[in-house]
């Protein structure tokens, strides 16, 4: 224990060692996120189709994404609390390994055609999804104010490689599954199980010393050396709370819209005669747009501002909803463009919102607040996934897409109103 404390202590007054650990942490995150991306893609691509096959109806086709998103809500809170108490290493490793076990459960449910086991396994599988998102925070622990969005973007863009590869292995994994006596739609979950378990082991073995523990020690040392007046502390607290609120709002709205449209796209395509390979292609481009632009987005968020990019998110998602609603049913190209815009709008919202959350917290409360916010994100995604199937069943995919687009547009006035209030407070 003393050796561990001494090791962390050695970073407090050594900026060069802090920079080295920051860079090393990013490398570890990149490796784990490539694996994690492959794991989360399985549920997105074939989750709805697997449920439709087992239930014999598309009315509850949105339920799988709702379930593993709901599971990710509980996991986000647990991973956040574990990270706050024991560090990122334990929190992230536990989350990914749990998600891997959930994916194994989905495969078993498909083999035995057990719907109850499927639903339970999807809840557990959600831990991997939550952890994949929580990992984006780890890169910010030792980042400077001007590096935070860029650090988030590096964690996200690395997810692209696995996330894009996963949907395009649907046929390959389906054939592999059939060759070993497993239903084809469960094949991608075999990949997900292996990917999540490996990602967990990467964090467990390599993430040492823990960046959050080091950041907490640095913050504690600074607090002990600096005196702040009560007025400054109260004023900063109010501004920080407002920053956290707007960051959470941006991420919640973008999550609802993105999940709702994305969930029903595979079902919509299948109903109009498009095969699994076409579904995999469209979802692959969508997930690529969710993560690949991250390096550019991170720089823009750091340069032009968090709130400007939050507004850009709302406008981009509106365009995605309009195009998805009015694209001809036979046009894979226009539907792909719509899903690319959907992913891009989500990317803008997640990175700008995450940066706002980091700005509004300190190392002493960061992981816990981040976990709580990610619970809201997960619950909003669960709502979007569950309602999407019901909306399409009761009306149409066009109505779902249009409604989602206009909901996203609400971000613009919300951000402008909060921004105006914050500017008034700062001038007082």
Protein backbone atom coordinates (compact mmCIF):
# COMPACT_ATOMS: atom_id res chain seq x y z
CA UNK A 1 0.00 0.00 0.00
CA UNK A 2 2.82 2.43 0.95
CA UNK A 3 4.59 1.59 -2.31
CA UNK A 4 1.39 2.37 -4.23
CA UNK A 5 0.98 5.72 -2.40
CA UNK A 6 4.62 6.63 -3.03
CA UNK A 7 4.19 5.83 -6.72
CA UNK A 8 1.21 8.19 -7.03
CA UNK A 9 3.02 10.82 -4.95
CA UNK A 10 5.87 10.80 -7.44
CA UNK A 11 3.55 12.24 -10.10
CA UNK A 12 2.28 15.22 -8.09
CA UNK A 13 5.26 17.50 -8.55
CA UNK A 14 6.48 16.04 -11.81
CA UNK A 15 4.64 17.50 -14.86
CA UNK A 16 6.78 15.42 -17.22
CA UNK A 17 5.67 12.16 -15.60
CA UNK A 18 2.06 13.38 -15.74
CA UNK A 19 2.38 13.95 -19.50
CA UNK A 20 3.92 10.50 -19.99
CA UNK A 21 1.10 8.83 -18.03
CA UNK A 22 -1.49 10.84 -19.97
CA UNK A 23 -0.06 9.60 -23.30
CA UNK A 24 0.27 6.02 -22.04
CA UNK A 25 -3.33 6.07 -20.79
CA UNK A 26 -4.56 7.18 -24.21
CA UNK A 27 -2.73 4.29 -25.89
CA UNK A 28 -4.34 1.78 -23.50
CA UNK A 29 -7.77 3.33 -24.04
CA UNK A 30 -7.33 3.13 -27.82
CA UNK A 31 -6.51 -0.60 -27.66
CA UNK A 32 -9.45 -1.37 -25.37
CA UNK A 33 -11.88 0.79 -27.34
CA UNK A 34 -11.09 -0.98 -30.61
CA UNK A 35 -12.18 -4.20 -28.91
CA UNK A 36 -15.11 -2.54 -27.16
CA UNK A 37 -16.37 -1.10 -30.45
CA UNK A 38 -16.63 -4.57 -31.96
CA UNK A 39 -18.56 -5.69 -28.90
CA UNK A 40 -21.19 -2.95 -28.90
CA UNK A 41 -21.84 -3.26 -32.65
CA UNK A 42 -23.42 -6.72 -32.28
CA UNK A 43 -26.44 -5.60 -30.30
CA UNK A 44 -27.03 -2.58 -32.52
CA UNK A 45 -26.86 -4.54 -35.76
CA UNK A 46 -28.80 -7.73 -35.02
CA UNK A 47 -30.41 -7.23 -31.59
CA UNK A 48 -33.76 -6.14 -33.02
CA UNK A 49 -33.68 -8.87 -35.69
CA UNK A 50 -32.91 -11.57 -33.11
CA UNK A 51 -35.82 -10.44 -30.93
CA UNK A 52 -38.16 -10.28 -33.92
CA UNK A 53 -37.13 -13.83 -34.89
CA UNK A 54 -37.64 -15.22 -31.38
CA UNK A 55 -40.87 -13.29 -30.64
CA UNK A 56 -42.39 -13.61 -34.10
CA UNK A 57 -43.39 -9.92 -34.19
CA UNK A 58 -41.76 -6.53 -34.85
CA UNK A 59 -43.92 -4.69 -32.30
CA UNK A 60 -41.30 -5.32 -29.62
CA UNK A 61 -38.33 -5.20 -32.00
CA UNK A 62 -37.04 -2.14 -30.18
CA UNK A 63 -36.99 -4.03 -26.88
CA UNK A 64 -33.46 -5.53 -27.16
CA UNK A 65 -31.81 -2.12 -27.54
CA UNK A 66 -34.09 -0.80 -24.79
CA UNK A 67 -33.02 -3.67 -22.53
CA UNK A 68 -29.29 -3.47 -23.02
CA UNK A 69 -29.52 0.33 -22.84
CA UNK A 70 -31.46 -0.02 -19.59
CA UNK A 71 -28.81 -2.46 -18.37
CA UNK A 72 -26.17 0.06 -19.29
CA UNK A 73 -27.91 2.61 -17.06
CA UNK A 74 -27.38 0.52 -13.95
CA UNK A 75 -23.90 -0.42 -15.10
CA UNK A 76 -22.98 3.24 -15.70
CA UNK A 77 -23.81 4.08 -12.09
CA UNK A 78 -21.89 1.07 -10.78
CA UNK A 79 -18.87 1.64 -13.02
CA UNK A 80 -18.85 5.33 -12.07
CA UNK A 81 -18.95 4.56 -8.34
CA UNK A 82 -16.32 1.81 -8.66
CA UNK A 83 -14.09 4.20 -10.60
CA UNK A 84 -14.56 6.96 -8.01
CA UNK A 85 -13.64 4.61 -5.18
CA UNK A 86 -11.07 2.25 -6.72
CA UNK A 87 -9.97 4.05 -9.89
CA UNK A 88 -10.64 3.69 -13.61
CA UNK A 89 -8.78 0.37 -13.84
CA UNK A 90 -11.16 -1.58 -11.61
CA UNK A 91 -14.28 0.22 -12.80
CA UNK A 92 -13.67 -0.19 -16.54
CA UNK A 93 -12.33 -3.74 -16.32
CA UNK A 94 -15.35 -4.88 -14.28
CA UNK A 95 -17.80 -3.30 -16.71
CA UNK A 96 -16.31 -4.83 -19.85
CA UNK A 97 -15.98 -8.30 -18.34
CA UNK A 98 -19.61 -8.19 -17.17
CA UNK A 99 -20.71 -7.12 -20.65
CA UNK A 100 -18.79 -10.03 -22.15
CA UNK A 101 -20.62 -12.48 -19.91
CA UNK A 102 -23.91 -10.93 -20.99
CA UNK A 103 -23.04 -11.51 -24.67
CA UNK A 104 -22.34 -15.16 -23.87
CA UNK A 105 -25.79 -15.30 -22.25
CA UNK A 106 -27.42 -13.97 -25.44
CA UNK A 107 -25.77 -16.76 -27.45
CA UNK A 108 -27.06 -19.36 -24.99
CA UNK A 109 -30.56 -17.83 -25.14
CA UNK A 110 -30.56 -18.13 -28.92
CA UNK A 111 -29.38 -21.75 -28.79
CA UNK A 112 -32.15 -22.76 -26.38
CA UNK A 113 -34.69 -20.31 -27.84
CA UNK A 114 -35.25 -18.96 -24.34
CA UNK A 115 -36.78 -15.46 -24.46
CA UNK A 116 -36.51 -14.87 -20.69
CA UNK A 117 -32.78 -15.69 -20.74
CA UNK A 118 -32.41 -13.42 -23.79
CA UNK A 119 -33.89 -10.45 -21.94
CA UNK A 120 -31.78 -11.04 -18.81
CA UNK A 121 -28.61 -11.51 -20.88
CA UNK A 122 -29.29 -8.30 -22.84
CA UNK A 123 -29.52 -6.38 -19.56
CA UNK A 124 -26.12 -7.74 -18.52
CA UNK A 125 -24.69 -7.17 -22.00
CA UNK A 126 -25.53 -3.48 -21.49
CA UNK A 127 -22.62 -3.23 -19.04
CA UNK A 128 -20.26 -3.41 -22.01
CA UNK A 129 -22.08 -0.57 -23.75
CA UNK A 130 -21.94 1.58 -20.60
CA UNK A 131 -18.25 0.87 -20.07
CA UNK A 132 -17.44 1.66 -23.69
CA UNK A 133 -18.89 5.13 -23.10
CA UNK A 134 -17.36 5.55 -19.62
CA UNK A 135 -13.90 4.84 -21.02
CA UNK A 136 -13.99 8.16 -22.89
CA UNK A 137 -13.65 9.96 -19.55
CA UNK A 138 -10.44 8.15 -18.58
CA UNK A 139 -8.42 10.06 -21.16
CA UNK A 140 -9.48 13.40 -19.65
CA UNK A 141 -8.27 12.74 -16.10
CA UNK A 142 -4.79 14.13 -16.77
CA UNK A 143 -5.65 16.33 -19.77
CA UNK A 144 -5.40 20.12 -19.65
CA UNK A 145 -8.47 22.31 -20.26
CA UNK A 146 -7.49 22.70 -23.93
CA UNK A 147 -6.93 18.95 -24.40
CA UNK A 148 -10.14 17.54 -22.93
CA UNK A 149 -12.35 17.32 -26.01
CA UNK A 150 -9.41 16.07 -28.07
CA UNK A 151 -8.72 13.36 -25.48
CA UNK A 152 -12.39 12.33 -25.56
CA UNK A 153 -12.27 12.22 -29.35
CA UNK A 154 -9.22 9.93 -29.39
CA UNK A 155 -11.03 7.44 -27.17
CA UNK A 156 -14.09 7.59 -29.41
CA UNK A 157 -12.37 7.44 -32.79
CA UNK A 158 -10.53 4.28 -31.79
CA UNK A 159 -13.93 2.67 -31.20
CA UNK A 160 -14.58 3.18 -34.91
CA UNK A 161 -12.28 0.39 -36.04
CA UNK A 162 -14.10 -2.28 -34.08
CA UNK A 163 -17.54 -0.71 -34.44
CA UNK A 164 -17.36 -0.52 -38.24
CA UNK A 165 -15.79 -3.97 -38.57
CA UNK A 166 -18.43 -5.61 -36.36
CA UNK A 167 -21.55 -4.97 -38.51
CA UNK A 168 -19.68 -5.98 -41.66
CA UNK A 169 -18.85 -9.34 -40.07
CA UNK A 170 -22.54 -10.16 -39.61
CA UNK A 171 -22.54 -12.68 -42.47
CA UNK A 172 -19.14 -14.11 -41.50
CA UNK A 173 -20.10 -14.57 -37.85
CA UNK A 174 -23.53 -15.86 -38.88
CA UNK A 175 -21.92 -18.58 -41.01
CA UNK A 176 -19.48 -19.39 -38.23
CA UNK A 177 -22.35 -19.68 -35.76
CA UNK A 178 -24.25 -22.03 -38.09
CA UNK A 179 -21.14 -24.18 -38.48
CA UNK A 180 -21.06 -24.83 -34.73
CA UNK A 181 -24.82 -25.31 -34.37
CA UNK A 182 -25.73 -21.80 -33.18
CA UNK A 183 -28.46 -19.64 -34.82
CA UNK A 184 -26.97 -17.23 -37.38
CA UNK A 185 -28.26 -14.06 -35.68
CA UNK A 186 -26.40 -15.02 -32.49
CA UNK A 187 -23.08 -15.08 -34.37
CA UNK A 188 -22.23 -11.38 -33.81
CA UNK A 189 -22.75 -11.88 -30.06
CA UNK A 190 -19.99 -14.53 -30.08
CA UNK A 191 -17.68 -11.79 -31.38
CA UNK A 192 -19.07 -9.36 -28.80
CA UNK A 193 -18.38 -11.70 -25.89
CA UNK A 194 -14.75 -12.23 -26.89
CA UNK A 195 -14.21 -8.53 -27.62
CA UNK A 196 -15.65 -7.26 -24.32
CA UNK A 197 -13.73 -9.81 -22.24
CA UNK A 198 -10.45 -8.89 -23.95
CA UNK A 199 -11.13 -5.16 -23.46
CA UNK A 200 -11.66 -5.78 -19.75
CA UNK A 201 -8.38 -7.66 -19.47
CA UNK A 202 -6.53 -4.83 -21.26
CA UNK A 203 -7.66 -2.34 -18.61
CA UNK A 204 -7.11 -4.75 -15.72
CA UNK A 205 -3.56 -5.63 -16.73
CA UNK A 206 -2.23 -2.43 -18.32
CA UNK A 207 -3.92 0.60 -16.70
CA UNK A 208 -1.43 1.17 -13.90
CA UNK A 209 -0.85 3.61 -12.26
CA UNK A 210 -4.46 4.66 -12.37
CA UNK A 211 -4.92 8.08 -14.06
CA UNK A 212 -7.91 9.07 -11.93
CA UNK A 213 -6.10 8.26 -8.69
CA UNK A 214 -3.15 10.35 -9.85
CA UNK A 215 -5.46 13.22 -10.87
CA UNK A 216 -7.19 13.08 -7.47
CA UNK A 217 -3.84 13.26 -5.69
CA UNK A 218 -2.77 16.24 -7.81
CA UNK A 219 -6.08 18.01 -7.15
CA UNK A 220 -5.85 17.39 -3.42
CA UNK A 221 -2.32 18.78 -3.34
CA UNK A 222 -3.41 21.93 -5.18
CA UNK A 223 -6.37 22.45 -2.87
CA UNK A 224 -4.09 22.26 0.14
CA UNK A 225 -1.78 24.89 -1.35
CA UNK A 226 -4.44 27.32 -2.52
CA UNK A 227 -6.92 29.36 -0.49
CA UNK A 228 -10.26 30.36 -2.07
CA UNK A 229 -12.81 32.81 -0.70
CA UNK A 230 -16.30 31.55 0.10
CA UNK A 231 -17.79 33.89 -2.55
CA UNK A 232 -15.60 32.43 -5.27
CA UNK A 233 -16.41 28.88 -4.20
CA UNK A 234 -20.18 29.46 -4.20
CA UNK A 235 -20.10 31.31 -7.54
CA UNK A 236 -17.94 28.62 -9.16
CA UNK A 237 -20.27 25.94 -7.79
CA UNK A 238 -23.31 27.57 -9.44
CA UNK A 239 -21.52 27.94 -12.77
CA UNK A 240 -20.30 24.35 -12.59
CA UNK A 241 -23.82 23.05 -11.89
CA UNK A 242 -25.14 24.94 -14.89
CA UNK A 243 -22.35 23.55 -17.06
CA UNK A 244 -23.14 19.99 -15.95
CA UNK A 245 -26.87 20.52 -16.62
CA UNK A 246 -26.41 21.75 -20.18
CA UNK A 247 -23.87 19.01 -20.92
CA UNK A 248 -26.26 16.34 -19.67
CA UNK A 249 -29.18 17.83 -21.64
CA UNK A 250 -27.24 17.78 -24.91
CA UNK A 251 -26.22 14.15 -24.46
CA UNK A 252 -29.67 12.95 -23.34
CA UNK A 253 -31.51 14.50 -26.31
CA UNK A 254 -28.98 13.29 -28.88
CA UNK A 255 -29.10 9.78 -27.39
CA UNK A 256 -32.90 9.55 -27.55
CA UNK A 257 -32.99 10.68 -31.18
CA UNK A 258 -30.08 8.56 -32.38
CA UNK A 259 -31.21 5.34 -30.68
CA UNK A 260 -34.82 5.71 -31.80
CA UNK A 261 -34.03 6.04 -35.51
CA UNK A 262 -31.09 3.61 -35.49
CA UNK A 263 -33.08 0.88 -33.72
CA UNK A 264 -35.80 0.64 -36.33
CA UNK A 265 -33.63 1.12 -39.42
CA UNK A 266 -32.69 -2.61 -39.74
CA UNK A 267 -36.34 -3.63 -39.33
CA UNK A 268 -37.45 -0.95 -41.81
CA UNK A 269 -34.88 -2.19 -44.33
CA UNK A 270 -35.74 -5.86 -43.91
CA UNK A 271 -39.45 -5.14 -44.41
CA UNK A 272 -38.62 -3.56 -47.77
CA UNK A 273 -36.58 -6.44 -49.07
CA UNK A 274 -33.03 -5.50 -48.06
CA UNK A 275 -30.82 -8.35 -46.82
CA UNK A 276 -28.50 -8.66 -43.82
CA UNK A 277 -25.46 -7.56 -45.83
CA UNK A 278 -27.22 -4.30 -46.79
CA UNK A 279 -28.28 -3.77 -43.18
CA UNK A 280 -24.69 -4.34 -42.04
CA UNK A 281 -23.41 -1.85 -44.61
CA UNK A 282 -25.80 0.94 -43.59
CA UNK A 283 -25.28 0.40 -39.86
CA UNK A 284 -21.52 0.17 -40.44
CA UNK A 285 -21.51 3.61 -42.08
CA UNK A 286 -23.74 4.92 -39.29
CA UNK A 287 -21.43 3.69 -36.52
CA UNK A 288 -18.43 4.98 -38.47
CA UNK A 289 -20.06 8.43 -38.50
CA UNK A 290 -20.69 8.13 -34.77
CA UNK A 291 -16.99 7.73 -34.01
CA UNK A 292 -14.70 8.39 -36.99
CA UNK A 293 -15.15 12.19 -37.13
CA UNK A 294 -14.22 12.41 -33.45
CA UNK A 295 -10.68 13.73 -33.90
CA UNK A 296 -11.97 16.66 -35.96
CA UNK A 297 -14.95 17.15 -33.63
CA UNK A 298 -12.67 17.18 -30.57
CA UNK A 299 -10.52 19.93 -32.04
CA UNK A 300 -13.62 21.94 -32.99
CA UNK A 301 -15.11 21.57 -29.50
CA UNK A 302 -11.84 22.77 -27.95
CA UNK A 303 -11.48 25.64 -30.45
CA UNK A 304 -14.95 27.01 -31.25
CA UNK A 305 -16.65 26.02 -28.02
CA UNK A 306 -18.78 23.35 -26.38
CA UNK A 307 -22.13 25.11 -26.78
CA UNK A 308 -21.65 25.99 -30.47
CA UNK A 309 -21.05 22.32 -31.25
CA UNK A 310 -24.07 21.37 -29.14
CA UNK A 311 -26.24 23.57 -31.38
CA UNK A 312 -24.60 22.02 -34.47
CA UNK A 313 -25.63 18.63 -33.09
CA UNK A 314 -29.31 19.56 -32.96
CA UNK A 315 -29.32 20.92 -36.51
CA UNK A 316 -27.48 17.89 -37.93
CA UNK A 317 -29.91 15.47 -36.27
CA UNK A 318 -32.85 17.41 -37.72
CA UNK A 319 -31.39 16.98 -41.23
CA UNK A 320 -30.91 13.26 -40.54
CA UNK A 321 -34.55 12.86 -39.49
CA UNK A 322 -35.86 14.70 -42.53
CA UNK A 323 -33.76 12.65 -44.96
CA UNK A 324 -34.59 9.32 -43.29
CA UNK A 325 -38.29 10.21 -43.43
CA UNK A 326 -38.41 11.15 -47.09
CA UNK A 327 -35.75 8.89 -48.64
CA UNK A 328 -37.29 6.44 -51.17
CA UNK A 329 -37.65 2.99 -49.62
CA UNK A 330 -35.48 1.38 -52.30
CA UNK A 331 -32.64 3.91 -51.97
CA UNK A 332 -29.80 2.45 -49.90
CA UNK A 333 -27.64 5.48 -50.74
CA UNK A 334 -30.01 8.11 -49.30
CA UNK A 335 -30.78 5.97 -46.25
CA UNK A 336 -27.04 5.56 -45.69
CA UNK A 337 -26.53 9.34 -45.89
CA UNK A 338 -29.36 9.84 -43.38
CA UNK A 339 -27.76 7.36 -40.96
CA UNK A 340 -24.36 9.03 -41.45
CA UNK A 341 -25.90 12.39 -40.48
CA UNK A 342 -27.58 10.68 -37.53
CA UNK A 343 -24.23 9.37 -36.33
CA UNK A 344 -22.49 12.70 -36.94
CA UNK A 345 -25.09 14.66 -34.96
CA UNK A 346 -24.73 12.21 -32.08
CA UNK A 347 -20.94 12.59 -32.28
CA UNK A 348 -21.18 16.39 -32.00
CA UNK A 349 -23.53 16.10 -29.03
CA UNK A 350 -21.61 13.44 -27.13
CA UNK A 351 -18.19 15.09 -27.38
CA UNK A 352 -19.42 18.62 -26.61
CA UNK A 353 -21.63 17.35 -23.78
CA UNK A 354 -18.88 15.19 -22.30
CA UNK A 355 -16.42 18.10 -22.37
CA UNK A 356 -18.97 20.23 -20.51
CA UNK A 357 -19.33 17.54 -17.83
CA UNK A 358 -15.55 17.37 -17.37
CA UNK A 359 -15.37 21.19 -17.23
CA UNK A 360 -18.02 21.26 -14.51
CA UNK A 361 -16.42 18.65 -12.23
CA UNK A 362 -13.21 18.09 -10.29
CA UNK A 363 -11.20 14.86 -9.85
CA UNK A 364 -12.73 14.45 -6.39
CA UNK A 365 -16.30 14.10 -7.72
CA UNK A 366 -15.77 13.53 -11.47
CA UNK A 367 -16.25 9.77 -11.84
CA UNK A 368 -19.37 9.71 -9.67
CA UNK A 369 -21.00 12.61 -11.55
CA UNK A 370 -20.00 11.10 -14.89
CA UNK A 371 -21.58 7.79 -13.91
CA UNK A 372 -24.80 9.53 -12.86
CA UNK A 373 -25.00 11.49 -16.12
CA UNK A 374 -24.38 8.33 -18.13
CA UNK A 375 -27.31 6.72 -16.29
CA UNK A 376 -29.54 9.48 -17.69
CA UNK A 377 -28.06 8.93 -21.14
CA UNK A 378 -28.68 5.19 -20.93
CA UNK A 379 -32.25 5.61 -19.68
CA UNK A 380 -33.01 8.07 -22.46
CA UNK A 381 -31.60 5.59 -24.96
CA UNK A 382 -33.73 2.83 -23.44
CA UNK A 383 -36.82 5.03 -23.81
CA UNK A 384 -35.92 5.82 -27.40
CA UNK A 385 -35.38 2.15 -28.22
CA UNK A 386 -38.59 0.96 -26.55
CA UNK A 387 -40.82 3.68 -28.00
CA UNK A 388 -39.39 3.43 -31.51
CA UNK A 389 -40.91 0.00 -32.18
CA UNK A 390 -44.28 1.08 -30.83
CA UNK A 391 -44.29 4.29 -32.89
CA UNK A 392 -43.43 2.45 -36.10
CA UNK A 393 -46.00 -0.27 -35.37
CA UNK A 394 -48.67 2.35 -34.67
CA UNK A 395 -47.77 4.71 -37.51
CA UNK A 396 -44.63 4.50 -39.66
CA UNK A 397 -40.85 4.85 -39.86
CA UNK A 398 -41.46 8.25 -41.50
CA UNK A 399 -43.33 9.55 -38.45
CA UNK A 400 -40.58 8.25 -36.14
CA UNK A 401 -37.84 9.95 -38.19
CA UNK A 402 -39.66 13.28 -38.47
CA UNK A 403 -40.56 13.35 -34.77
CA UNK A 404 -36.99 12.52 -33.76
CA UNK A 405 -35.61 15.26 -35.97
CA UNK A 406 -37.84 17.95 -34.51
CA UNK A 407 -37.11 16.83 -30.93
CA UNK A 408 -33.37 17.32 -31.61
CA UNK A 409 -34.03 20.88 -32.79
CA UNK A 410 -35.11 21.76 -29.22
CA UNK A 411 -31.41 21.79 -28.30
CA UNK A 412 -30.93 25.13 -30.05
CA UNK A 413 -33.23 27.31 -27.88
CA UNK A 414 -32.30 25.39 -24.71
CA UNK A 415 -28.57 26.03 -25.19
CA UNK A 416 -29.11 29.69 -26.17
CA UNK A 417 -31.29 30.34 -23.09
CA UNK A 418 -28.81 28.71 -20.68
CA UNK A 419 -25.91 30.49 -22.37
CA UNK A 420 -27.62 33.86 -21.94
CA UNK A 421 -28.28 33.19 -18.24
CA UNK A 422 -24.69 32.08 -17.69
CA UNK A 423 -23.30 35.21 -19.35
CA UNK A 424 -25.49 37.38 -17.07
CA UNK A 425 -24.26 35.51 -13.96
CA UNK A 426 -20.61 35.87 -15.01
CA UNK A 427 -21.07 39.63 -15.45
CA UNK A 428 -22.55 40.09 -11.95
